[in-house]
Amino acid sequence: ADRTYGMTPAVARELGEKLLAQARLI
């Protein structure tokens, strides 16, 4: 674990939604 990334709540929501959509597709 060598990097830390910052994100806004909006980016976190978008990332979560896209990850869930891709997981459902797979």
mmCIF file of all heavy atoms, coordinates in Angstrom:
data_MODEL
# 
_entry.id   MODEL 
# 
loop_
_atom_site.group_PDB 
_atom_site.id 
_atom_site.type_symbol 
_atom_site.label_atom_id 
_atom_site.label_alt_id 
_atom_site.label_comp_id 
_atom_site.label_asym_id 
_atom_site.label_entity_id 
_atom_site.label_seq_id 
_atom_site.pdbx_PDB_ins_code 
_atom_site.Cartn_x 
_atom_site.Cartn_y 
_atom_site.Cartn_z 
_atom_site.occupancy 
_atom_site.B_iso_or_equiv 
_atom_site.pdbx_formal_charge 
_atom_site.auth_seq_id 
_atom_site.auth_comp_id 
_atom_site.auth_asym_id 
_atom_site.auth_atom_id 
_atom_site.pdbx_PDB_model_num 
ATOM 1   N N   . ALA A 1 1  ? 0.882   -1.172  0.000   1.00 0.00 ? 1  ALA A N   1 
ATOM 2   C CA  . ALA A 1 1  ? 0.000   0.000   0.000   1.00 0.00 ? 1  ALA A CA  1 
ATOM 3   C C   . ALA A 1 1  ? 0.915   1.216   0.000   1.00 0.00 ? 1  ALA A C   1 
ATOM 4   O O   . ALA A 1 1  ? 1.362   1.664   1.045   1.00 0.00 ? 1  ALA A O   1 
ATOM 5   C CB  . ALA A 1 1  ? -0.909  -0.003  1.219   1.00 0.00 ? 1  ALA A CB  1 
ATOM 6   N N   . ASP A 1 2  ? 1.241   1.707   -1.192  1.00 0.00 ? 2  ASP A N   1 
ATOM 7   C CA  . ASP A 1 2  ? 2.235   2.779   -1.267  1.00 0.00 ? 2  ASP A CA  1 
ATOM 8   C C   . ASP A 1 2  ? 1.688   4.128   -1.735  1.00 0.00 ? 2  ASP A C   1 
ATOM 9   O O   . ASP A 1 2  ? 2.445   5.079   -1.862  1.00 0.00 ? 2  ASP A O   1 
ATOM 10  C CB  . ASP A 1 2  ? 3.407   2.359   -2.150  1.00 0.00 ? 2  ASP A CB  1 
ATOM 11  C CG  . ASP A 1 2  ? 3.032   2.192   -3.606  1.00 0.00 ? 2  ASP A CG  1 
ATOM 12  O OD1 . ASP A 1 2  ? 1.831   2.207   -3.933  1.00 0.00 ? 2  ASP A OD1 1 
ATOM 13  O OD2 . ASP A 1 2  ? 3.942   2.030   -4.429  1.00 0.00 ? 2  ASP A OD2 1 
ATOM 14  N N   . ARG A 1 3  ? 0.384   4.194   -1.980  1.00 0.00 ? 3  ARG A N   1 
ATOM 15  C CA  . ARG A 1 3  ? -0.199  5.457   -2.428  1.00 0.00 ? 3  ARG A CA  1 
ATOM 16  C C   . ARG A 1 3  ? -1.541  5.676   -1.760  1.00 0.00 ? 3  ARG A C   1 
ATOM 17  O O   . ARG A 1 3  ? -2.283  4.728   -1.499  1.00 0.00 ? 3  ARG A O   1 
ATOM 18  C CB  . ARG A 1 3  ? -0.396  5.464   -3.938  1.00 0.00 ? 3  ARG A CB  1 
ATOM 19  C CG  . ARG A 1 3  ? 0.905   5.476   -4.673  1.00 0.00 ? 3  ARG A CG  1 
ATOM 20  C CD  . ARG A 1 3  ? 0.694   5.839   -6.122  1.00 0.00 ? 3  ARG A CD  1 
ATOM 21  N NE  . ARG A 1 3  ? 2.003   5.982   -6.738  1.00 0.00 ? 3  ARG A NE  1 
ATOM 22  C CZ  . ARG A 1 3  ? 2.404   5.313   -7.796  1.00 0.00 ? 3  ARG A CZ  1 
ATOM 23  N NH1 . ARG A 1 3  ? 1.585   4.462   -8.369  1.00 0.00 ? 3  ARG A NH1 1 
ATOM 24  N NH2 . ARG A 1 3  ? 3.592   5.502   -8.294  1.00 0.00 ? 3  ARG A NH2 1 
ATOM 25  N N   . THR A 1 4  ? -1.865  6.928   -1.539  1.00 0.00 ? 4  THR A N   1 
ATOM 26  C CA  . THR A 1 4  ? -3.168  7.311   -1.004  1.00 0.00 ? 4  THR A CA  1 
ATOM 27  C C   . THR A 1 4  ? -3.784  8.315   -1.959  1.00 0.00 ? 4  THR A C   1 
ATOM 28  O O   . THR A 1 4  ? -3.108  9.231   -2.421  1.00 0.00 ? 4  THR A O   1 
ATOM 29  C CB  . THR A 1 4  ? -3.020  7.928   0.403   1.00 0.00 ? 4  THR A CB  1 
ATOM 30  O OG1 . THR A 1 4  ? -2.395  6.963   1.263   1.00 0.00 ? 4  THR A OG1 1 
ATOM 31  C CG2 . THR A 1 4  ? -4.367  8.303   0.985   1.00 0.00 ? 4  THR A CG2 1 
ATOM 32  N N   . TYR A 1 5  ? -5.061  8.109   -2.258  1.00 0.00 ? 5  TYR A N   1 
ATOM 33  C CA  . TYR A 1 5  ? -5.767  8.974   -3.194  1.00 0.00 ? 5  TYR A CA  1 
ATOM 34  C C   . TYR A 1 5  ? -6.888  9.704   -2.459  1.00 0.00 ? 5  TYR A C   1 
ATOM 35  O O   . TYR A 1 5  ? -7.572  9.123   -1.625  1.00 0.00 ? 5  TYR A O   1 
ATOM 36  C CB  . TYR A 1 5  ? -6.379  8.145   -4.329  1.00 0.00 ? 5  TYR A CB  1 
ATOM 37  C CG  . TYR A 1 5  ? -5.353  7.355   -5.089  1.00 0.00 ? 5  TYR A CG  1 
ATOM 38  C CD1 . TYR A 1 5  ? -5.021  6.063   -4.716  1.00 0.00 ? 5  TYR A CD1 1 
ATOM 39  C CD2 . TYR A 1 5  ? -4.696  7.908   -6.179  1.00 0.00 ? 5  TYR A CD2 1 
ATOM 40  C CE1 . TYR A 1 5  ? -4.067  5.336   -5.409  1.00 0.00 ? 5  TYR A CE1 1 
ATOM 41  C CE2 . TYR A 1 5  ? -3.734  7.187   -6.875  1.00 0.00 ? 5  TYR A CE2 1 
ATOM 42  C CZ  . TYR A 1 5  ? -3.430  5.905   -6.482  1.00 0.00 ? 5  TYR A CZ  1 
ATOM 43  O OH  . TYR A 1 5  ? -2.478  5.187   -7.171  1.00 0.00 ? 5  TYR A OH  1 
ATOM 44  N N   . GLY A 1 6  ? -7.076  10.967  -2.795  1.00 0.00 ? 6  GLY A N   1 
ATOM 45  C CA  . GLY A 1 6  ? -8.167  11.740  -2.223  1.00 0.00 ? 6  GLY A CA  1 
ATOM 46  C C   . GLY A 1 6  ? -9.300  11.872  -3.223  1.00 0.00 ? 6  GLY A C   1 
ATOM 47  O O   . GLY A 1 6  ? -9.070  11.919  -4.430  1.00 0.00 ? 6  GLY A O   1 
ATOM 48  N N   . MET A 1 7  ? -10.539 11.905  -2.707  1.00 0.00 ? 7  MET A N   1 
ATOM 49  C CA  . MET A 1 7  ? -11.684 12.102  -3.595  1.00 0.00 ? 7  MET A CA  1 
ATOM 50  C C   . MET A 1 7  ? -12.824 12.778  -2.841  1.00 0.00 ? 7  MET A C   1 
ATOM 51  O O   . MET A 1 7  ? -12.925 12.659  -1.618  1.00 0.00 ? 7  MET A O   1 
ATOM 52  C CB  . MET A 1 7  ? -12.141 10.790  -4.226  1.00 0.00 ? 7  MET A CB  1 
ATOM 53  C CG  . MET A 1 7  ? -12.723 9.777   -3.276  1.00 0.00 ? 7  MET A CG  1 
ATOM 54  S SD  . MET A 1 7  ? -13.187 8.230   -4.100  1.00 0.00 ? 7  MET A SD  1 
ATOM 55  C CE  . MET A 1 7  ? -11.666 7.320   -3.949  1.00 0.00 ? 7  MET A CE  1 
ATOM 56  N N   . THR A 1 8  ? -13.627 13.482  -3.607  1.00 0.00 ? 8  THR A N   1 
ATOM 57  C CA  . THR A 1 8  ? -14.808 14.116  -3.041  1.00 0.00 ? 8  THR A CA  1 
ATOM 58  C C   . THR A 1 8  ? -15.907 13.073  -2.873  1.00 0.00 ? 8  THR A C   1 
ATOM 59  O O   . THR A 1 8  ? -15.850 12.001  -3.479  1.00 0.00 ? 8  THR A O   1 
ATOM 60  C CB  . THR A 1 8  ? -15.319 15.222  -3.972  1.00 0.00 ? 8  THR A CB  1 
ATOM 61  O OG1 . THR A 1 8  ? -15.757 14.622  -5.194  1.00 0.00 ? 8  THR A OG1 1 
ATOM 62  C CG2 . THR A 1 8  ? -14.253 16.275  -4.244  1.00 0.00 ? 8  THR A CG2 1 
ATOM 63  N N   . PRO A 1 9  ? -16.928 13.384  -2.066  1.00 0.00 ? 9  PRO A N   1 
ATOM 64  C CA  . PRO A 1 9  ? -18.050 12.455  -1.949  1.00 0.00 ? 9  PRO A CA  1 
ATOM 65  C C   . PRO A 1 9  ? -18.707 12.165  -3.301  1.00 0.00 ? 9  PRO A C   1 
ATOM 66  O O   . PRO A 1 9  ? -19.116 11.031  -3.556  1.00 0.00 ? 9  PRO A O   1 
ATOM 67  C CB  . PRO A 1 9  ? -19.016 13.178  -1.010  1.00 0.00 ? 9  PRO A CB  1 
ATOM 68  C CG  . PRO A 1 9  ? -18.119 14.020  -0.154  1.00 0.00 ? 9  PRO A CG  1 
ATOM 69  C CD  . PRO A 1 9  ? -17.034 14.488  -1.095  1.00 0.00 ? 9  PRO A CD  1 
ATOM 70  N N   . ALA A 1 10 ? -18.788 13.151  -4.184  1.00 0.00 ? 10 ALA A N   1 
ATOM 71  C CA  . ALA A 1 10 ? -19.399 12.927  -5.499  1.00 0.00 ? 10 ALA A CA  1 
ATOM 72  C C   . ALA A 1 10 ? -18.589 11.925  -6.307  1.00 0.00 ? 10 ALA A C   1 
ATOM 73  O O   . ALA A 1 10 ? -19.152 11.030  -6.952  1.00 0.00 ? 10 ALA A O   1 
ATOM 74  C CB  . ALA A 1 10 ? -19.518 14.248  -6.254  1.00 0.00 ? 10 ALA A CB  1 
ATOM 75  N N   . VAL A 1 11 ? -17.282 12.041  -6.291  1.00 0.00 ? 11 VAL A N   1 
ATOM 76  C CA  . VAL A 1 11 ? -16.425 11.101  -7.017  1.00 0.00 ? 11 VAL A CA  1 
ATOM 77  C C   . VAL A 1 11 ? -16.544 9.710   -6.388  1.00 0.00 ? 11 VAL A C   1 
ATOM 78  O O   . VAL A 1 11 ? -16.609 8.705   -7.096  1.00 0.00 ? 11 VAL A O   1 
ATOM 79  C CB  . VAL A 1 11 ? -14.962 11.588  -7.048  1.00 0.00 ? 11 VAL A CB  1 
ATOM 80  C CG1 . VAL A 1 11 ? -14.029 10.522  -7.572  1.00 0.00 ? 11 VAL A CG1 1 
ATOM 81  C CG2 . VAL A 1 11 ? -14.850 12.856  -7.891  1.00 0.00 ? 11 VAL A CG2 1 
ATOM 82  N N   . ALA A 1 12 ? -16.591 9.632   -5.060  1.00 0.00 ? 12 ALA A N   1 
ATOM 83  C CA  . ALA A 1 12 ? -16.727 8.343   -4.381  1.00 0.00 ? 12 ALA A CA  1 
ATOM 84  C C   . ALA A 1 12 ? -18.047 7.665   -4.765  1.00 0.00 ? 12 ALA A C   1 
ATOM 85  O O   . ALA A 1 12 ? -18.077 6.466   -5.031  1.00 0.00 ? 12 ALA A O   1 
ATOM 86  C CB  . ALA A 1 12 ? -16.648 8.533   -2.866  1.00 0.00 ? 12 ALA A CB  1 
ATOM 87  N N   . ARG A 1 13 ? -19.143 8.429   -4.821  1.00 0.00 ? 13 ARG A N   1 
ATOM 88  C CA  . ARG A 1 13 ? -20.437 7.865   -5.231  1.00 0.00 ? 13 ARG A CA  1 
ATOM 89  C C   . ARG A 1 13 ? -20.387 7.365   -6.666  1.00 0.00 ? 13 ARG A C   1 
ATOM 90  O O   . ARG A 1 13 ? -20.857 6.270   -6.978  1.00 0.00 ? 13 ARG A O   1 
ATOM 91  C CB  . ARG A 1 13 ? -21.552 8.904   -5.080  1.00 0.00 ? 13 ARG A CB  1 
ATOM 92  C CG  . ARG A 1 13 ? -22.113 9.004   -3.687  1.00 0.00 ? 13 ARG A CG  1 
ATOM 93  C CD  . ARG A 1 13 ? -23.391 9.823   -3.661  1.00 0.00 ? 13 ARG A CD  1 
ATOM 94  N NE  . ARG A 1 13 ? -23.203 11.177  -4.179  1.00 0.00 ? 13 ARG A NE  1 
ATOM 95  C CZ  . ARG A 1 13 ? -22.725 12.194  -3.473  1.00 0.00 ? 13 ARG A CZ  1 
ATOM 96  N NH1 . ARG A 1 13 ? -22.380 12.008  -2.220  1.00 0.00 ? 13 ARG A NH1 1 
ATOM 97  N NH2 . ARG A 1 13 ? -22.590 13.375  -4.011  1.00 0.00 ? 13 ARG A NH2 1 
ATOM 98  N N   . GLU A 1 14 ? -19.803 8.168   -7.556  1.00 0.00 ? 14 GLU A N   1 
ATOM 99  C CA  . GLU A 1 14 ? -19.711 7.773   -8.956  1.00 0.00 ? 14 GLU A CA  1 
ATOM 100 C C   . GLU A 1 14 ? -18.870 6.502   -9.109  1.00 0.00 ? 14 GLU A C   1 
ATOM 101 O O   . GLU A 1 14 ? -19.243 5.574   -9.837  1.00 0.00 ? 14 GLU A O   1 
ATOM 102 C CB  . GLU A 1 14 ? -19.109 8.895   -9.793  1.00 0.00 ? 14 GLU A CB  1 
ATOM 103 C CG  . GLU A 1 14 ? -19.019 8.569   -11.256 1.00 0.00 ? 14 GLU A CG  1 
ATOM 104 C CD  . GLU A 1 14 ? -18.400 9.686   -12.089 1.00 0.00 ? 14 GLU A CD  1 
ATOM 105 O OE1 . GLU A 1 14 ? -18.124 10.772  -11.560 1.00 0.00 ? 14 GLU A OE1 1 
ATOM 106 O OE2 . GLU A 1 14 ? -18.183 9.446   -13.286 1.00 0.00 ? 14 GLU A OE2 1 
ATOM 107 N N   . LEU A 1 15 ? -17.743 6.450   -8.426  1.00 0.00 ? 15 LEU A N   1 
ATOM 108 C CA  . LEU A 1 15 ? -16.896 5.263   -8.474  1.00 0.00 ? 15 LEU A CA  1 
ATOM 109 C C   . LEU A 1 15 ? -17.653 4.042   -7.958  1.00 0.00 ? 15 LEU A C   1 
ATOM 110 O O   . LEU A 1 15 ? -17.630 2.975   -8.577  1.00 0.00 ? 15 LEU A O   1 
ATOM 111 C CB  . LEU A 1 15 ? -15.622 5.488   -7.654  1.00 0.00 ? 15 LEU A CB  1 
ATOM 112 C CG  . LEU A 1 15 ? -14.674 4.307   -7.529  1.00 0.00 ? 15 LEU A CG  1 
ATOM 113 C CD1 . LEU A 1 15 ? -14.161 3.875   -8.903  1.00 0.00 ? 15 LEU A CD1 1 
ATOM 114 C CD2 . LEU A 1 15 ? -13.520 4.659   -6.605  1.00 0.00 ? 15 LEU A CD2 1 
ATOM 115 N N   . GLY A 1 16 ? -18.340 4.191   -6.832  1.00 0.00 ? 16 GLY A N   1 
ATOM 116 C CA  . GLY A 1 16 ? -19.109 3.083   -6.273  1.00 0.00 ? 16 GLY A CA  1 
ATOM 117 C C   . GLY A 1 16 ? -20.181 2.588   -7.222  1.00 0.00 ? 16 GLY A C   1 
ATOM 118 O O   . GLY A 1 16 ? -20.354 1.386   -7.419  1.00 0.00 ? 16 GLY A O   1 
ATOM 119 N N   . GLU A 1 17 ? -20.915 3.517   -7.847  1.00 0.00 ? 17 GLU A N   1 
ATOM 120 C CA  . GLU A 1 17 ? -21.957 3.142   -8.795  1.00 0.00 ? 17 GLU A CA  1 
ATOM 121 C C   . GLU A 1 17 ? -21.376 2.403   -10.000 1.00 0.00 ? 17 GLU A C   1 
ATOM 122 O O   . GLU A 1 17 ? -21.929 1.397   -10.451 1.00 0.00 ? 17 GLU A O   1 
ATOM 123 C CB  . GLU A 1 17 ? -22.720 4.386   -9.248  1.00 0.00 ? 17 GLU A CB  1 
ATOM 124 C CG  . GLU A 1 17 ? -23.581 4.979   -8.144  1.00 0.00 ? 17 GLU A CG  1 
ATOM 125 C CD  . GLU A 1 17 ? -24.095 6.379   -8.477  1.00 0.00 ? 17 GLU A CD  1 
ATOM 126 O OE1 . GLU A 1 17 ? -23.822 6.891   -9.586  1.00 0.00 ? 17 GLU A OE1 1 
ATOM 127 O OE2 . GLU A 1 17 ? -24.762 6.967   -7.605  1.00 0.00 ? 17 GLU A OE2 1 
ATOM 128 N N   . LYS A 1 18 ? -20.258 2.891   -10.518 1.00 0.00 ? 18 LYS A N   1 
ATOM 129 C CA  . LYS A 1 18 ? -19.645 2.250   -11.688 1.00 0.00 ? 18 LYS A CA  1 
ATOM 130 C C   . LYS A 1 18 ? -19.077 0.875   -11.335 1.00 0.00 ? 18 LYS A C   1 
ATOM 131 O O   . LYS A 1 18 ? -19.179 -0.062  -12.130 1.00 0.00 ? 18 LYS A O   1 
ATOM 132 C CB  . LYS A 1 18 ? -18.578 3.153   -12.291 1.00 0.00 ? 18 LYS A CB  1 
ATOM 133 C CG  . LYS A 1 18 ? -19.200 4.341   -12.996 1.00 0.00 ? 18 LYS A CG  1 
ATOM 134 C CD  . LYS A 1 18 ? -18.190 5.191   -13.699 1.00 0.00 ? 18 LYS A CD  1 
ATOM 135 C CE  . LYS A 1 18 ? -18.922 6.320   -14.419 1.00 0.00 ? 18 LYS A CE  1 
ATOM 136 N NZ  . LYS A 1 18 ? -18.090 7.036   -15.344 1.00 0.00 ? 18 LYS A NZ  1 
ATOM 137 N N   . LEU A 1 19 ? -18.479 0.742   -10.161 1.00 0.00 ? 19 LEU A N   1 
ATOM 138 C CA  . LEU A 1 19 ? -17.976 -0.568  -9.736  1.00 0.00 ? 19 LEU A CA  1 
ATOM 139 C C   . LEU A 1 19 ? -19.119 -1.572  -9.593  1.00 0.00 ? 19 LEU A C   1 
ATOM 140 O O   . LEU A 1 19 ? -19.010 -2.719  -10.039 1.00 0.00 ? 19 LEU A O   1 
ATOM 141 C CB  . LEU A 1 19 ? -17.205 -0.446  -8.422  1.00 0.00 ? 19 LEU A CB  1 
ATOM 142 C CG  . LEU A 1 19 ? -15.826 0.191   -8.502  1.00 0.00 ? 19 LEU A CG  1 
ATOM 143 C CD1 . LEU A 1 19 ? -15.286 0.473   -7.101  1.00 0.00 ? 19 LEU A CD1 1 
ATOM 144 C CD2 . LEU A 1 19 ? -14.871 -0.694  -9.270  1.00 0.00 ? 19 LEU A CD2 1 
ATOM 145 N N   . LEU A 1 20 ? -20.226 -1.148  -8.969  1.00 0.00 ? 20 LEU A N   1 
ATOM 146 C CA  . LEU A 1 20 ? -21.376 -2.038  -8.824  1.00 0.00 ? 20 LEU A CA  1 
ATOM 147 C C   . LEU A 1 20 ? -21.948 -2.437  -10.178 1.00 0.00 ? 20 LEU A C   1 
ATOM 148 O O   . LEU A 1 20 ? -22.291 -3.603  -10.397 1.00 0.00 ? 20 LEU A O   1 
ATOM 149 C CB  . LEU A 1 20 ? -22.458 -1.375  -7.971  1.00 0.00 ? 20 LEU A CB  1 
ATOM 150 C CG  . LEU A 1 20 ? -22.206 -1.367  -6.474  1.00 0.00 ? 20 LEU A CG  1 
ATOM 151 C CD1 . LEU A 1 20 ? -23.267 -0.523  -5.770  1.00 0.00 ? 20 LEU A CD1 1 
ATOM 152 C CD2 . LEU A 1 20 ? -22.202 -2.774  -5.927  1.00 0.00 ? 20 LEU A CD2 1 
ATOM 153 N N   . ALA A 1 21 ? -22.052 -1.486  -11.098 1.00 0.00 ? 21 ALA A N   1 
ATOM 154 C CA  . ALA A 1 21 ? -22.586 -1.793  -12.419 1.00 0.00 ? 21 ALA A CA  1 
ATOM 155 C C   . ALA A 1 21 ? -21.701 -2.802  -13.146 1.00 0.00 ? 21 ALA A C   1 
ATOM 156 O O   . ALA A 1 21 ? -22.204 -3.748  -13.762 1.00 0.00 ? 21 ALA A O   1 
ATOM 157 C CB  . ALA A 1 21 ? -22.719 -0.509  -13.243 1.00 0.00 ? 21 ALA A CB  1 
ATOM 158 N N   . GLN A 1 22 ? -20.388 -2.625  -13.063 1.00 0.00 ? 22 GLN A N   1 
ATOM 159 C CA  . GLN A 1 22 ? -19.477 -3.559  -13.729 1.00 0.00 ? 22 GLN A CA  1 
ATOM 160 C C   . GLN A 1 22 ? -19.516 -4.932  -13.068 1.00 0.00 ? 22 GLN A C   1 
ATOM 161 O O   . GLN A 1 22 ? -19.471 -5.957  -13.755 1.00 0.00 ? 22 GLN A O   1 
ATOM 162 C CB  . GLN A 1 22 ? -18.048 -3.009  -13.732 1.00 0.00 ? 22 GLN A CB  1 
ATOM 163 C CG  . GLN A 1 22 ? -17.860 -1.854  -14.675 1.00 0.00 ? 22 GLN A CG  1 
ATOM 164 C CD  . GLN A 1 22 ? -18.113 -2.249  -16.115 1.00 0.00 ? 22 GLN A CD  1 
ATOM 165 O OE1 . GLN A 1 22 ? -17.587 -3.237  -16.620 1.00 0.00 ? 22 GLN A OE1 1 
ATOM 166 N NE2 . GLN A 1 22 ? -18.956 -1.489  -16.798 1.00 0.00 ? 22 GLN A NE2 1 
ATOM 167 N N   . ALA A 1 23 ? -19.610 -4.970  -11.732 1.00 0.00 ? 23 ALA A N   1 
ATOM 168 C CA  . ALA A 1 23 ? -19.700 -6.253  -11.029 1.00 0.00 ? 23 ALA A CA  1 
ATOM 169 C C   . ALA A 1 23 ? -20.965 -6.996  -11.443 1.00 0.00 ? 23 ALA A C   1 
ATOM 170 O O   . ALA A 1 23 ? -20.933 -8.205  -11.692 1.00 0.00 ? 23 ALA A O   1 
ATOM 171 C CB  . ALA A 1 23 ? -19.670 -6.037  -9.517  1.00 0.00 ? 23 ALA A CB  1 
ATOM 172 N N   . ARG A 1 24 ? -22.093 -6.278  -11.544 1.00 0.00 ? 24 ARG A N   1 
ATOM 173 C CA  . ARG A 1 24 ? -23.352 -6.911  -11.966 1.00 0.00 ? 24 ARG A CA  1 
ATOM 174 C C   . ARG A 1 24 ? -23.243 -7.433  -13.395 1.00 0.00 ? 24 ARG A C   1 
ATOM 175 O O   . ARG A 1 24 ? -23.749 -8.514  -13.704 1.00 0.00 ? 24 ARG A O   1 
ATOM 176 C CB  . ARG A 1 24 ? -24.498 -5.926  -11.826 1.00 0.00 ? 24 ARG A CB  1 
ATOM 177 C CG  . ARG A 1 24 ? -24.859 -5.656  -10.389 1.00 0.00 ? 24 ARG A CG  1 
ATOM 178 C CD  . ARG A 1 24 ? -26.035 -4.714  -10.277 1.00 0.00 ? 24 ARG A CD  1 
ATOM 179 N NE  . ARG A 1 24 ? -26.303 -4.436  -8.883  1.00 0.00 ? 24 ARG A NE  1 
ATOM 180 C CZ  . ARG A 1 24 ? -26.306 -3.223  -8.338  1.00 0.00 ? 24 ARG A CZ  1 
ATOM 181 N NH1 . ARG A 1 24 ? -26.085 -2.160  -9.080  1.00 0.00 ? 24 ARG A NH1 1 
ATOM 182 N NH2 . ARG A 1 24 ? -26.553 -3.060  -7.063  1.00 0.00 ? 24 ARG A NH2 1 
ATOM 183 N N   . LEU A 1 25 ? -22.601 -6.678  -14.269 1.00 0.00 ? 25 LEU A N   1 
ATOM 184 C CA  . LEU A 1 25 ? -22.428 -7.106  -15.649 1.00 0.00 ? 25 LEU A CA  1 
ATOM 185 C C   . LEU A 1 25 ? -21.596 -8.378  -15.719 1.00 0.00 ? 25 LEU A C   1 
ATOM 186 O O   . LEU A 1 25 ? -21.953 -9.342  -16.402 1.00 0.00 ? 25 LEU A O   1 
ATOM 187 C CB  . LEU A 1 25 ? -21.766 -5.997  -16.469 1.00 0.00 ? 25 LEU A CB  1 
ATOM 188 C CG  . LEU A 1 25 ? -21.473 -6.315  -17.934 1.00 0.00 ? 25 LEU A CG  1 
ATOM 189 C CD1 . LEU A 1 25 ? -22.766 -6.568  -18.693 1.00 0.00 ? 25 LEU A CD1 1 
ATOM 190 C CD2 . LEU A 1 25 ? -20.690 -5.195  -18.571 1.00 0.00 ? 25 LEU A CD2 1 
ATOM 191 N N   . ILE A 1 26 ? -20.485 -8.409  -14.998 1.00 0.00 ? 26 ILE A N   1 
ATOM 192 C CA  . ILE A 1 26 ? -19.624 -9.595  -14.975 1.00 0.00 ? 26 ILE A CA  1 
ATOM 193 C C   . ILE A 1 26 ? -20.383 -10.795 -14.429 1.00 0.00 ? 26 ILE A C   1 
ATOM 194 O O   . ILE A 1 26 ? -20.297 -11.896 -14.973 1.00 0.00 ? 26 ILE A O   1 
ATOM 195 C CB  . ILE A 1 26 ? -18.348 -9.320  -14.142 1.00 0.00 ? 26 ILE A CB  1 
ATOM 196 C CG1 . ILE A 1 26 ? -17.461 -8.323  -14.888 1.00 0.00 ? 26 ILE A CG1 1 
ATOM 197 C CG2 . ILE A 1 26 ? -17.601 -10.604 -13.836 1.00 0.00 ? 26 ILE A CG2 1 
ATOM 198 C CD1 . ILE A 1 26 ? -16.338 -7.758  -14.036 1.00 0.00 ? 26 ILE A CD1 1 
# 
